[in-house]
Amino acid sequence: MMRRAFIAGLGSAAWSFAAHAQQRERIRRIGCLSPAAQHNHVDDALEDGLRLLGWTSDQTIKIEYRYTRGREDRVAPIVKEIVGLNFDLIVSWGPPLTRAVKQAAPATDVVFLNGYDAVEEGLVTNLALVLLRPRSP
């Protein structure tokens, strides 16, 4: 009888844990492409901005960075890698990286950073702003 009660209690606890785990929203994955050589102040600003919007590193988001180190020959392999990782969102710096991502994965959401005219560059047809906010549980 005690054995049955123990097994029933264990099953109940496991069911409760599974139900709680299902209520948590999954961690969103962001791939960040940069022409820089390493993590820098722009990456820090991106993380700070996301934090201000309620996104918490390793709790609601996970950012993975890839750097071309200013070398054009690294763009294609890095874009191929990052597109293959199926991120929820890709952040890219500048027209060359953004153009490469859009060509490799036209259905992927891309946020691009820099002070250029994305409409003139042919990257978008208009400039619509979408703020990244975590969903309410």
Foldseek 3Di string as FASTA:
>chain_A
DVVVVVVVVVVVVVVVVVVVVVVADDAAEEEEEEQADDDDPVNVVVVVLVVVQPADDPRRYDYDYDYNNNDPVVLLVVLVVVVVVVGQEYEYEDDVNLVNNCVVPVVHHYHYDDPDDCCVSVSDVDDDDDDDHDDDD
